[in-house]
Amino acid sequence: MKRTLRNSKKARELLHNLLEIGRSESGCFIGERFQPAKSAFQALKDALETHAWNVFEKFCTYDDQTEALEFLASKGIFFNVSSAVDGLEMYQDEVKFRQIVGNLTKNALHHRHQRVNVQLETDGDELVIAVSDDGPGIEPEHHEMVFQRYVQVKECSIVSRKGHGLGLAGANIISRCLGGRLELEREKGKGATFRLTIPLRLADD
């Protein structure tokens, strides 16, 4: 039953992702004030539910966020918020913002060996979120490919397909529509870091 529930939630997430990509490309946004640290933390929690179920079950037993974060750290999952972001409010489309962070986090959880790191900080009037993993990394010549729809970079074509090639592509499309940018860092064999830079305020136009 738990496996069926997870699969149902994954199917629902896929549908929501497709809808938000379409809405973004059509210029449909809902601007609202929210705290990015809280929103990103919820995105991490949602990602754990569908991509790290055993960790998620224990994580939900903690009422205190500090204890919950300490537990995640013991599992190699780190969520770090700079003092400049703690308590900060931004004016953006929160649903789309959370979708971007969620897709980046799910990607990191899927490819990690032992470690995932989510870091939030500011750079002037922009928010910067870096999501890193210690997985196999991506060849430099494939950096642009990972942002293309329905494309997956595989070391071997025999490896079974576990995704749809929409997560990172959708995150890239939505981030651009929100006035931000999504960049990939690192080299093959050294993990990967996806860095989202997004304005603290959604442009009026």
N, C-alpha and C. Protein backbone atom coordinates (compact mmCIF):
# COMPACT_ATOMS: atom_id res chain seq x y z
N MET A 1 0.82 -1.21 0.00
CA MET A 1 0.00 0.00 0.00
C MET A 1 0.86 1.27 0.00
N LYS A 2 1.95 1.21 0.76
CA LYS A 2 2.84 2.36 0.80
C LYS A 2 3.48 2.60 -0.57
N ARG A 3 3.87 1.51 -1.24
CA ARG A 3 4.46 1.64 -2.56
C ARG A 3 3.45 2.21 -3.54
N THR A 4 2.21 1.77 -3.45
CA THR A 4 1.15 2.29 -4.32
C THR A 4 0.92 3.77 -4.07
N LEU A 5 0.94 4.16 -2.79
CA LEU A 5 0.77 5.57 -2.45
C LEU A 5 1.90 6.42 -3.02
N ARG A 6 3.13 5.93 -2.89
CA ARG A 6 4.27 6.69 -3.43
C ARG A 6 4.16 6.84 -4.94
N ASN A 7 3.80 5.76 -5.61
CA ASN A 7 3.67 5.82 -7.07
C ASN A 7 2.55 6.77 -7.48
N SER A 8 1.47 6.79 -6.72
CA SER A 8 0.37 7.70 -7.02
C SER A 8 0.81 9.15 -6.86
N LYS A 9 1.59 9.42 -5.82
CA LYS A 9 2.08 10.77 -5.60
C LYS A 9 3.07 11.19 -6.69
N LYS A 10 3.88 10.24 -7.15
CA LYS A 10 4.80 10.54 -8.24
C LYS A 10 4.05 10.89 -9.52
N ALA A 11 2.97 10.15 -9.79
CA ALA A 11 2.16 10.43 -10.98
C ALA A 11 1.50 11.80 -10.85
N ARG A 12 1.03 12.13 -9.66
CA ARG A 12 0.42 13.44 -9.44
C ARG A 12 1.46 14.56 -9.62
N GLU A 13 2.67 14.33 -9.11
CA GLU A 13 3.74 15.32 -9.25
C GLU A 13 4.07 15.55 -10.72
N LEU A 14 4.11 14.46 -11.50
CA LEU A 14 4.40 14.59 -12.92
C LEU A 14 3.35 15.45 -13.61
N LEU A 15 2.10 15.22 -13.29
CA LEU A 15 1.01 16.01 -13.88
C LEU A 15 1.13 17.48 -13.48
N HIS A 16 1.39 17.73 -12.20
CA HIS A 16 1.54 19.11 -11.73
C HIS A 16 2.73 19.79 -12.40
N ASN A 17 3.82 19.03 -12.56
CA ASN A 17 5.00 19.60 -13.22
C ASN A 17 4.68 20.04 -14.64
N LEU A 18 3.98 19.19 -15.37
CA LEU A 18 3.61 19.52 -16.74
C LEU A 18 2.71 20.75 -16.79
N LEU A 19 1.76 20.83 -15.87
CA LEU A 19 0.84 21.97 -15.84
C LEU A 19 1.58 23.26 -15.53
N GLU A 20 2.50 23.23 -14.56
CA GLU A 20 3.23 24.44 -14.19
C GLU A 20 4.19 24.89 -15.29
N ILE A 21 4.76 23.93 -16.03
CA ILE A 21 5.61 24.29 -17.16
C ILE A 21 4.77 25.04 -18.20
N GLY A 22 3.59 24.48 -18.50
CA GLY A 22 2.71 25.13 -19.47
C GLY A 22 2.26 26.50 -19.01
N ARG A 23 1.90 26.62 -17.73
CA ARG A 23 1.48 27.91 -17.20
C ARG A 23 2.61 28.93 -17.25
N SER A 24 3.83 28.47 -16.97
CA SER A 24 4.98 29.38 -17.00
C SER A 24 5.23 29.89 -18.41
N GLU A 25 5.20 28.99 -19.38
CA GLU A 25 5.45 29.39 -20.76
C GLU A 25 4.33 30.29 -21.29
N SER A 26 3.14 30.21 -20.68
CA SER A 26 2.02 31.06 -21.09
C SER A 26 1.98 32.38 -20.31
N GLY A 27 2.93 32.54 -19.38
CA GLY A 27 2.99 33.78 -18.61
C GLY A 27 1.98 33.86 -17.48
N CYS A 28 1.56 32.71 -16.96
CA CYS A 28 0.58 32.69 -15.86
C CYS A 28 1.32 32.52 -14.53
N PHE A 29 1.31 33.58 -13.71
CA PHE A 29 2.00 33.54 -12.43
C PHE A 29 1.10 34.07 -11.33
N ILE A 30 1.34 33.61 -10.12
CA ILE A 30 0.65 34.13 -8.94
C ILE A 30 1.72 34.61 -7.96
N GLY A 31 1.92 35.92 -7.90
CA GLY A 31 2.93 36.47 -7.01
C GLY A 31 2.40 36.57 -5.59
N GLU A 32 3.23 36.15 -4.64
CA GLU A 32 2.85 36.23 -3.23
C GLU A 32 4.10 36.30 -2.37
N ARG A 33 3.93 36.79 -1.16
CA ARG A 33 5.05 36.87 -0.22
C ARG A 33 5.17 35.55 0.55
N PHE A 34 6.39 35.07 0.68
CA PHE A 34 6.64 33.85 1.44
C PHE A 34 8.10 33.81 1.85
N GLN A 35 8.41 32.96 2.79
CA GLN A 35 9.79 32.79 3.24
C GLN A 35 10.43 31.65 2.47
N PRO A 36 11.45 31.92 1.67
CA PRO A 36 12.06 30.87 0.85
C PRO A 36 12.66 29.73 1.66
N ALA A 37 13.16 30.02 2.88
CA ALA A 37 13.74 28.96 3.69
C ALA A 37 12.68 27.93 4.07
N LYS A 38 11.49 28.40 4.46
CA LYS A 38 10.42 27.48 4.83
C LYS A 38 9.90 26.73 3.61
N SER A 39 9.78 27.43 2.49
CA SER A 39 9.28 26.81 1.27
C SER A 39 10.26 25.75 0.76
N ALA A 40 11.55 26.05 0.79
CA ALA A 40 12.56 25.08 0.35
C ALA A 40 12.60 23.87 1.27
N PHE A 41 12.41 24.10 2.56
CA PHE A 41 12.39 22.99 3.52
C PHE A 41 11.21 22.06 3.23
N GLN A 42 10.06 22.63 2.90
CA GLN A 42 8.89 21.82 2.56
C GLN A 42 9.14 21.04 1.26
N ALA A 43 9.83 21.67 0.31
CA ALA A 43 10.17 20.98 -0.94
C ALA A 43 11.08 19.79 -0.66
N LEU A 44 12.02 19.96 0.26
CA LEU A 44 12.90 18.86 0.65
C LEU A 44 12.09 17.73 1.29
N LYS A 45 11.16 18.10 2.15
CA LYS A 45 10.32 17.10 2.81
C LYS A 45 9.50 16.32 1.79
N ASP A 46 8.92 17.01 0.81
CA ASP A 46 8.14 16.35 -0.23
C ASP A 46 9.01 15.41 -1.07
N ALA A 47 10.25 15.85 -1.33
CA ALA A 47 11.17 15.03 -2.12
C ALA A 47 11.54 13.75 -1.37
N LEU A 48 11.73 13.87 -0.07
CA LEU A 48 12.06 12.69 0.74
C LEU A 48 10.92 11.68 0.72
N GLU A 49 9.69 12.17 0.71
CA GLU A 49 8.54 11.28 0.76
C GLU A 49 8.49 10.34 -0.44
N THR A 50 8.87 10.83 -1.61
CA THR A 50 8.78 10.00 -2.82
C THR A 50 10.11 9.40 -3.26
N HIS A 51 11.24 9.94 -2.74
CA HIS A 51 12.54 9.46 -3.22
C HIS A 51 13.46 8.91 -2.13
N ALA A 52 13.03 9.00 -0.87
CA ALA A 52 13.83 8.43 0.23
C ALA A 52 12.86 8.06 1.35
N TRP A 53 12.00 7.10 1.05
CA TRP A 53 10.87 6.79 1.94
C TRP A 53 11.32 6.40 3.34
N ASN A 54 12.35 5.58 3.47
CA ASN A 54 12.80 5.14 4.79
C ASN A 54 13.27 6.32 5.63
N VAL A 55 13.97 7.25 5.00
CA VAL A 55 14.41 8.46 5.71
C VAL A 55 13.21 9.32 6.09
N PHE A 56 12.26 9.43 5.17
CA PHE A 56 11.08 10.27 5.39
C PHE A 56 10.26 9.78 6.59
N GLU A 57 10.07 8.48 6.73
CA GLU A 57 9.26 7.95 7.83
C GLU A 57 9.83 8.34 9.19
N LYS A 58 11.14 8.21 9.35
CA LYS A 58 11.78 8.59 10.61
C LYS A 58 11.79 10.10 10.77
N PHE A 59 12.02 10.81 9.69
CA PHE A 59 12.07 12.27 9.70
C PHE A 59 10.76 12.86 10.24
N CYS A 60 9.63 12.25 9.90
CA CYS A 60 8.32 12.75 10.30
C CYS A 60 8.04 12.57 11.79
N THR A 61 8.86 11.79 12.49
CA THR A 61 8.63 11.58 13.92
C THR A 61 9.17 12.74 14.75
N TYR A 62 9.92 13.65 14.12
CA TYR A 62 10.49 14.78 14.85
C TYR A 62 9.59 16.00 14.74
N ASP A 63 9.22 16.56 15.88
CA ASP A 63 8.43 17.79 15.90
C ASP A 63 9.32 19.02 15.86
N ASP A 64 10.52 18.89 16.41
CA ASP A 64 11.47 20.00 16.44
C ASP A 64 12.30 20.01 15.16
N GLN A 65 12.33 21.15 14.45
CA GLN A 65 13.04 21.20 13.17
C GLN A 65 14.54 20.99 13.34
N THR A 66 15.10 21.51 14.43
CA THR A 66 16.54 21.33 14.66
C THR A 66 16.89 19.86 14.78
N GLU A 67 16.09 19.12 15.53
CA GLU A 67 16.32 17.68 15.68
C GLU A 67 16.12 16.96 14.35
N ALA A 68 15.12 17.41 13.59
CA ALA A 68 14.88 16.80 12.27
C ALA A 68 16.06 17.00 11.34
N LEU A 69 16.63 18.20 11.37
CA LEU A 69 17.79 18.49 10.51
C LEU A 69 19.01 17.71 10.97
N GLU A 70 19.16 17.51 12.26
CA GLU A 70 20.28 16.71 12.77
C GLU A 70 20.13 15.25 12.32
N PHE A 71 18.90 14.76 12.32
CA PHE A 71 18.67 13.40 11.84
C PHE A 71 19.02 13.29 10.35
N LEU A 72 18.58 14.28 9.54
CA LEU A 72 18.89 14.25 8.12
C LEU A 72 20.40 14.28 7.89
N ALA A 73 21.10 15.09 8.68
CA ALA A 73 22.56 15.18 8.56
C ALA A 73 23.21 13.82 8.83
N SER A 74 22.64 13.07 9.78
CA SER A 74 23.18 11.74 10.07
C SER A 74 23.00 10.79 8.90
N LYS A 75 22.05 11.13 8.00
CA LYS A 75 21.80 10.33 6.81
C LYS A 75 22.48 10.92 5.57
N GLY A 76 23.32 11.94 5.78
CA GLY A 76 24.05 12.53 4.67
C GLY A 76 23.26 13.57 3.89
N ILE A 77 22.18 14.08 4.47
CA ILE A 77 21.36 15.09 3.81
C ILE A 77 21.43 16.38 4.62
N PHE A 78 21.97 17.42 4.03
CA PHE A 78 22.24 18.66 4.76
C PHE A 78 21.42 19.81 4.17
N PHE A 79 20.78 20.56 5.05
CA PHE A 79 19.96 21.70 4.66
C PHE A 79 20.50 22.91 5.41
N ASN A 80 21.16 23.82 4.68
CA ASN A 80 21.84 24.96 5.30
C ASN A 80 21.27 26.27 4.81
N VAL A 81 20.91 27.14 5.75
CA VAL A 81 20.34 28.44 5.43
C VAL A 81 21.23 29.52 6.03
N SER A 82 21.70 30.45 5.20
CA SER A 82 22.55 31.53 5.70
C SER A 82 21.73 32.47 6.56
N SER A 83 22.41 33.25 7.40
CA SER A 83 21.73 34.19 8.29
C SER A 83 20.95 35.23 7.50
N ALA A 84 21.41 35.54 6.28
CA ALA A 84 20.72 36.54 5.45
C ALA A 84 19.39 36.02 4.93
N VAL A 85 19.26 34.71 4.81
CA VAL A 85 18.03 34.11 4.27
C VAL A 85 17.06 33.74 5.39
N ASP A 86 17.58 33.46 6.57
CA ASP A 86 16.74 33.05 7.68
C ASP A 86 15.75 34.17 8.02
N GLY A 87 14.47 33.90 7.86
CA GLY A 87 13.44 34.90 8.13
C GLY A 87 13.17 35.85 6.98
N LEU A 88 13.94 35.72 5.89
CA LEU A 88 13.77 36.60 4.73
C LEU A 88 12.48 36.29 3.99
N GLU A 89 11.81 37.35 3.48
CA GLU A 89 10.63 37.18 2.63
C GLU A 89 10.97 37.55 1.20
N MET A 90 10.36 36.85 0.26
CA MET A 90 10.51 37.20 -1.14
C MET A 90 9.12 37.26 -1.77
N TYR A 91 9.03 37.91 -2.92
CA TYR A 91 7.75 38.03 -3.63
C TYR A 91 7.92 37.32 -4.96
N GLN A 92 7.41 36.10 -5.03
CA GLN A 92 7.54 35.28 -6.21
C GLN A 92 6.32 34.36 -6.31
N ASP A 93 6.31 33.50 -7.29
CA ASP A 93 5.28 32.46 -7.41
C ASP A 93 5.78 31.27 -6.58
N GLU A 94 5.21 31.08 -5.40
CA GLU A 94 5.73 30.07 -4.49
C GLU A 94 5.55 28.66 -5.03
N VAL A 95 4.44 28.38 -5.69
CA VAL A 95 4.21 27.04 -6.23
C VAL A 95 5.31 26.67 -7.22
N LYS A 96 5.63 27.58 -8.10
CA LYS A 96 6.67 27.32 -9.11
C LYS A 96 8.05 27.27 -8.46
N PHE A 97 8.28 28.15 -7.48
CA PHE A 97 9.55 28.14 -6.75
C PHE A 97 9.77 26.79 -6.08
N ARG A 98 8.74 26.31 -5.41
CA ARG A 98 8.86 25.03 -4.69
C ARG A 98 9.06 23.88 -5.68
N GLN A 99 8.45 23.98 -6.85
CA GLN A 99 8.61 22.93 -7.84
C GLN A 99 10.05 22.86 -8.32
N ILE A 100 10.66 24.00 -8.55
CA ILE A 100 12.07 24.02 -8.99
C ILE A 100 12.95 23.36 -7.94
N VAL A 101 12.83 23.83 -6.69
CA VAL A 101 13.67 23.29 -5.61
C VAL A 101 13.40 21.81 -5.42
N GLY A 102 12.13 21.41 -5.51
CA GLY A 102 11.80 20.00 -5.35
C GLY A 102 12.42 19.14 -6.43
N ASN A 103 12.38 19.60 -7.68
CA ASN A 103 12.97 18.83 -8.77
C ASN A 103 14.48 18.70 -8.62
N LEU A 104 15.14 19.76 -8.19
CA LEU A 104 16.58 19.71 -7.98
C LEU A 104 16.94 18.75 -6.85
N THR A 105 16.13 18.78 -5.79
CA THR A 105 16.39 17.92 -4.64
C THR A 105 16.16 16.45 -4.98
N LYS A 106 15.08 16.17 -5.70
CA LYS A 106 14.80 14.78 -6.11
C LYS A 106 15.92 14.25 -7.00
N ASN A 107 16.41 15.09 -7.90
CA ASN A 107 17.50 14.68 -8.78
C ASN A 107 18.75 14.32 -7.96
N ALA A 108 19.04 15.16 -6.94
CA ALA A 108 20.22 14.91 -6.10
C ALA A 108 20.05 13.62 -5.28
N LEU A 109 18.85 13.40 -4.73
CA LEU A 109 18.60 12.19 -3.96
C LEU A 109 18.71 10.94 -4.83
N HIS A 110 18.29 11.08 -6.08
CA HIS A 110 18.33 9.93 -7.01
C HIS A 110 19.76 9.54 -7.37
N HIS A 111 20.64 10.54 -7.51
CA HIS A 111 21.99 10.26 -8.02
C HIS A 111 23.07 10.20 -6.94
N ARG A 112 22.75 10.54 -5.72
CA ARG A 112 23.78 10.59 -4.67
C ARG A 112 24.32 9.20 -4.35
N HIS A 113 25.57 9.22 -3.85
CA HIS A 113 26.12 8.00 -3.26
C HIS A 113 25.81 8.01 -1.76
N GLN A 114 26.21 9.10 -1.10
CA GLN A 114 25.99 9.20 0.34
C GLN A 114 25.53 10.58 0.80
N ARG A 115 25.69 11.60 -0.05
CA ARG A 115 25.52 12.96 0.45
C ARG A 115 24.72 13.84 -0.50
N VAL A 116 23.85 14.67 0.10
CA VAL A 116 23.13 15.73 -0.60
C VAL A 116 23.23 16.99 0.25
N ASN A 117 23.47 18.11 -0.40
CA ASN A 117 23.56 19.37 0.34
C ASN A 117 22.70 20.42 -0.34
N VAL A 118 21.82 21.07 0.43
CA VAL A 118 21.00 22.16 -0.05
C VAL A 118 21.42 23.42 0.69
N GLN A 119 21.89 24.42 -0.04
CA GLN A 119 22.42 25.65 0.56
C GLN A 119 21.65 26.85 0.04
N LEU A 120 21.14 27.70 0.98
CA LEU A 120 20.43 28.92 0.61
C LEU A 120 21.21 30.13 1.08
N GLU A 121 21.41 31.09 0.18
CA GLU A 121 22.07 32.34 0.53
C GLU A 121 21.59 33.43 -0.42
N THR A 122 21.98 34.65 -0.14
CA THR A 122 21.59 35.77 -1.00
C THR A 122 22.81 36.34 -1.72
N ASP A 123 22.53 36.98 -2.85
CA ASP A 123 23.55 37.70 -3.61
C ASP A 123 22.89 38.98 -4.11
N GLY A 124 23.02 40.04 -3.35
CA GLY A 124 22.35 41.28 -3.69
C GLY A 124 20.85 41.12 -3.56
N ASP A 125 20.12 41.41 -4.64
CA ASP A 125 18.67 41.27 -4.63
C ASP A 125 18.22 39.95 -5.24
N GLU A 126 19.08 38.95 -5.16
CA GLU A 126 18.75 37.62 -5.68
C GLU A 126 18.96 36.56 -4.61
N LEU A 127 18.17 35.51 -4.72
CA LEU A 127 18.33 34.34 -3.86
C LEU A 127 19.11 33.28 -4.64
N VAL A 128 20.05 32.64 -3.98
CA VAL A 128 20.85 31.59 -4.62
C VAL A 128 20.67 30.30 -3.84
N ILE A 129 20.23 29.27 -4.53
CA ILE A 129 20.07 27.95 -3.93
C ILE A 129 20.95 26.97 -4.68
N ALA A 130 21.87 26.35 -3.98
CA ALA A 130 22.77 25.35 -4.58
C ALA A 130 22.40 23.98 -4.03
N VAL A 131 22.11 23.04 -4.92
CA VAL A 131 21.77 21.66 -4.54
C VAL A 131 22.87 20.75 -5.10
N SER A 132 23.59 20.09 -4.20
CA SER A 132 24.75 19.28 -4.60
C SER A 132 24.56 17.82 -4.21
N ASP A 133 25.17 16.94 -4.98
CA ASP A 133 25.22 15.52 -4.62
C ASP A 133 26.62 15.00 -4.90
N ASP A 134 26.92 13.83 -4.36
CA ASP A 134 28.24 13.23 -4.56
C ASP A 134 28.15 12.04 -5.51
N GLY A 135 27.23 12.12 -6.46
CA GLY A 135 27.04 11.04 -7.42
C GLY A 135 28.09 11.00 -8.51
N PRO A 136 27.80 10.34 -9.62
CA PRO A 136 28.78 10.17 -10.69
C PRO A 136 29.12 11.43 -11.45
N GLY A 137 28.28 12.47 -11.31
CA GLY A 137 28.56 13.71 -12.05
C GLY A 137 28.15 13.60 -13.51
N ILE A 138 28.43 14.65 -14.26
CA ILE A 138 28.01 14.74 -15.66
C ILE A 138 29.16 15.28 -16.50
N GLU A 139 29.41 14.64 -17.63
CA GLU A 139 30.46 15.12 -18.54
C GLU A 139 30.15 16.55 -18.99
N PRO A 140 31.17 17.41 -19.11
CA PRO A 140 30.94 18.79 -19.53
C PRO A 140 30.16 18.90 -20.83
N GLU A 141 30.39 17.99 -21.78
CA GLU A 141 29.70 18.07 -23.06
C GLU A 141 28.21 17.72 -22.95
N HIS A 142 27.80 17.19 -21.77
CA HIS A 142 26.40 16.83 -21.57
C HIS A 142 25.65 17.84 -20.71
N HIS A 143 26.32 18.92 -20.32
CA HIS A 143 25.70 19.88 -19.41
C HIS A 143 24.43 20.50 -19.98
N GLU A 144 24.44 20.83 -21.26
CA GLU A 144 23.26 21.42 -21.87
C GLU A 144 22.17 20.38 -22.09
N MET A 145 22.58 19.15 -22.32
CA MET A 145 21.62 18.09 -22.63
C MET A 145 20.67 17.81 -21.47
N VAL A 146 21.16 17.93 -20.22
CA VAL A 146 20.33 17.59 -19.07
C VAL A 146 19.15 18.54 -18.92
N PHE A 147 19.20 19.70 -19.59
CA PHE A 147 18.11 20.66 -19.50
C PHE A 147 17.12 20.53 -20.65
N GLN A 148 17.31 19.51 -21.50
CA GLN A 148 16.39 19.30 -22.62
C GLN A 148 15.28 18.34 -22.21
N ARG A 149 14.08 18.60 -22.67
CA ARG A 149 12.94 17.76 -22.32
C ARG A 149 13.10 16.35 -22.89
N TYR A 150 12.72 15.37 -22.11
CA TYR A 150 12.68 13.95 -22.47
C TYR A 150 14.05 13.35 -22.74
N VAL A 151 15.11 14.07 -22.34
CA VAL A 151 16.48 13.57 -22.56
C VAL A 151 17.07 13.18 -21.22
N GLN A 152 17.71 12.01 -21.17
CA GLN A 152 18.40 11.56 -19.98
C GLN A 152 19.81 11.13 -20.37
N VAL A 153 20.78 11.54 -19.58
CA VAL A 153 22.17 11.16 -19.83
C VAL A 153 22.45 9.86 -19.11
N LYS A 154 22.80 8.84 -19.83
CA LYS A 154 23.08 7.53 -19.26
C LYS A 154 24.50 7.09 -19.63
N GLU A 155 25.16 6.44 -18.67
CA GLU A 155 26.48 5.88 -18.95
C GLU A 155 26.37 4.68 -19.88
N CYS A 156 25.21 4.01 -19.79
CA CYS A 156 25.03 2.81 -20.60
C CYS A 156 23.56 2.72 -21.01
N SER A 157 23.31 2.43 -22.25
CA SER A 157 21.93 2.37 -22.73
C SER A 157 21.18 1.18 -22.15
N ILE A 158 21.89 0.23 -21.55
CA ILE A 158 21.24 -0.95 -20.97
C ILE A 158 20.53 -0.58 -19.67
N VAL A 159 21.01 0.48 -19.01
CA VAL A 159 20.42 0.90 -17.74
C VAL A 159 18.95 1.24 -17.96
N SER A 160 18.08 0.72 -17.10
CA SER A 160 16.65 0.96 -17.27
C SER A 160 16.30 2.42 -17.04
N ARG A 161 15.29 2.90 -17.74
CA ARG A 161 14.84 4.27 -17.62
C ARG A 161 14.00 4.41 -16.35
N LYS A 162 14.38 5.35 -15.45
CA LYS A 162 13.67 5.52 -14.19
C LYS A 162 12.98 6.88 -14.12
N GLY A 163 13.13 7.71 -15.12
CA GLY A 163 12.51 9.02 -15.11
C GLY A 163 11.94 9.34 -16.47
N HIS A 164 11.51 10.59 -16.61
CA HIS A 164 10.88 11.01 -17.86
C HIS A 164 11.65 12.13 -18.56
N GLY A 165 12.77 12.56 -17.97
CA GLY A 165 13.53 13.63 -18.58
C GLY A 165 12.82 14.97 -18.53
N LEU A 166 11.96 15.15 -17.52
CA LEU A 166 11.19 16.39 -17.43
C LEU A 166 11.57 17.24 -16.21
N GLY A 167 12.12 16.62 -15.17
CA GLY A 167 12.40 17.35 -13.93
C GLY A 167 13.31 18.53 -14.10
N LEU A 168 14.53 18.29 -14.60
CA LEU A 168 15.50 19.36 -14.76
C LEU A 168 15.10 20.30 -15.89
N ALA A 169 14.53 19.75 -16.95
CA ALA A 169 14.08 20.59 -18.06
C ALA A 169 12.99 21.54 -17.58
N GLY A 170 12.05 21.01 -16.82
CA GLY A 170 10.98 21.84 -16.29
C GLY A 170 11.50 22.90 -15.33
N ALA A 171 12.44 22.50 -14.46
CA ALA A 171 13.03 23.46 -13.52
C ALA A 171 13.73 24.59 -14.26
N ASN A 172 14.39 24.26 -15.34
CA ASN A 172 15.10 25.26 -16.13
C ASN A 172 14.12 26.22 -16.80
N ILE A 173 13.04 25.67 -17.38
CA ILE A 173 12.04 26.51 -18.05
C ILE A 173 11.38 27.46 -17.05
N ILE A 174 10.95 26.92 -15.92
CA ILE A 174 10.25 27.73 -14.93
C ILE A 174 11.17 28.79 -14.33
N SER A 175 12.42 28.43 -14.05
CA SER A 175 13.34 29.41 -13.47
C SER A 175 13.55 30.59 -14.41
N ARG A 176 13.66 30.33 -15.72
CA ARG A 176 13.81 31.42 -16.69
C ARG A 176 12.57 32.29 -16.72
N CYS A 177 11.39 31.66 -16.67
CA CYS A 177 10.14 32.42 -16.71
C CYS A 177 9.97 33.29 -15.45
N LEU A 178 10.59 32.90 -14.35
CA LEU A 178 10.53 33.69 -13.12
C LEU A 178 11.64 34.74 -13.06
N GLY A 179 12.39 34.86 -14.14
CA GLY A 179 13.48 35.84 -14.17
C GLY A 179 14.78 35.33 -13.62
N GLY A 180 14.87 34.03 -13.38
CA GLY A 180 16.08 33.46 -12.81
C GLY A 180 16.88 32.66 -13.83
N ARG A 181 17.83 31.90 -13.33
CA ARG A 181 18.67 31.06 -14.20
C ARG A 181 19.11 29.83 -13.41
N LEU A 182 19.30 28.76 -14.11
CA LEU A 182 19.72 27.50 -13.51
C LEU A 182 21.01 27.06 -14.18
N GLU A 183 22.03 26.81 -13.38
CA GLU A 183 23.35 26.46 -13.91
C GLU A 183 23.83 25.15 -13.30
N LEU A 184 24.63 24.43 -14.08
CA LEU A 184 25.20 23.16 -13.63
C LEU A 184 26.70 23.31 -13.48
N GLU A 185 27.21 22.86 -12.35
CA GLU A 185 28.64 22.92 -12.07
C GLU A 185 29.17 21.52 -11.80
N ARG A 186 30.48 21.43 -11.70
CA ARG A 186 31.21 20.20 -11.40
C ARG A 186 31.50 19.37 -12.64
N GLU A 187 32.41 18.41 -12.46
CA GLU A 187 32.83 17.53 -13.54
C GLU A 187 32.43 16.10 -13.23
N LYS A 188 32.46 15.27 -14.26
CA LYS A 188 32.14 13.86 -14.11
C LYS A 188 33.03 13.22 -13.04
N GLY A 189 32.41 12.40 -12.21
CA GLY A 189 33.15 11.71 -11.17
C GLY A 189 33.27 12.49 -9.89
N LYS A 190 32.80 13.76 -9.88
CA LYS A 190 32.91 14.60 -8.69
C LYS A 190 31.55 15.11 -8.24
N GLY A 191 30.51 14.41 -8.62
CA GLY A 191 29.18 14.85 -8.23
C GLY A 191 28.69 15.97 -9.12
N ALA A 192 27.58 16.57 -8.74
CA ALA A 192 27.01 17.67 -9.52
C ALA A 192 26.40 18.70 -8.58
N THR A 193 26.46 19.95 -9.00
CA THR A 193 25.83 21.04 -8.26
C THR A 193 24.97 21.84 -9.22
N PHE A 194 23.69 21.91 -8.91
CA PHE A 194 22.77 22.75 -9.67
C PHE A 194 22.52 24.01 -8.86
N ARG A 195 22.77 25.16 -9.48
CA ARG A 195 22.67 26.44 -8.78
C ARG A 195 21.54 27.26 -9.38
N LEU A 196 20.52 27.53 -8.56
CA LEU A 196 19.40 28.37 -8.96
C LEU A 196 19.61 29.78 -8.43
N THR A 197 19.58 30.75 -9.32
CA THR A 197 19.65 32.16 -8.94
C THR A 197 18.35 32.80 -9.40
N ILE A 198 17.61 33.40 -8.46
CA ILE A 198 16.29 33.91 -8.77
C ILE A 198 16.05 35.24 -8.06
N PRO A 199 15.44 36.22 -8.74
CA PRO A 199 15.19 37.51 -8.10
C PRO A 199 14.28 37.36 -6.88
N LEU A 200 14.53 38.19 -5.88
CA LEU A 200 13.70 38.15 -4.69
C LEU A 200 12.31 38.71 -4.96
N ARG A 201 12.17 39.42 -6.08
CA ARG A 201 10.87 39.97 -6.43
C ARG A 201 10.54 39.64 -7.89
N LEU A 202 9.36 39.07 -8.10
CA LEU A 202 8.87 38.76 -9.43
C LEU A 202 8.64 40.05 -10.20
N ALA A 203 9.15 40.13 -11.43
CA ALA A 203 9.01 41.34 -12.23
C ALA A 203 7.55 41.63 -12.49
N ASP A 204 7.18 42.92 -12.47
CA ASP A 204 5.78 43.32 -12.67
C ASP A 204 5.25 42.93 -14.04
N ASP A 205 6.12 42.84 -15.04
CA ASP A 205 5.67 42.53 -16.40
C ASP A 205 5.68 41.02 -16.66
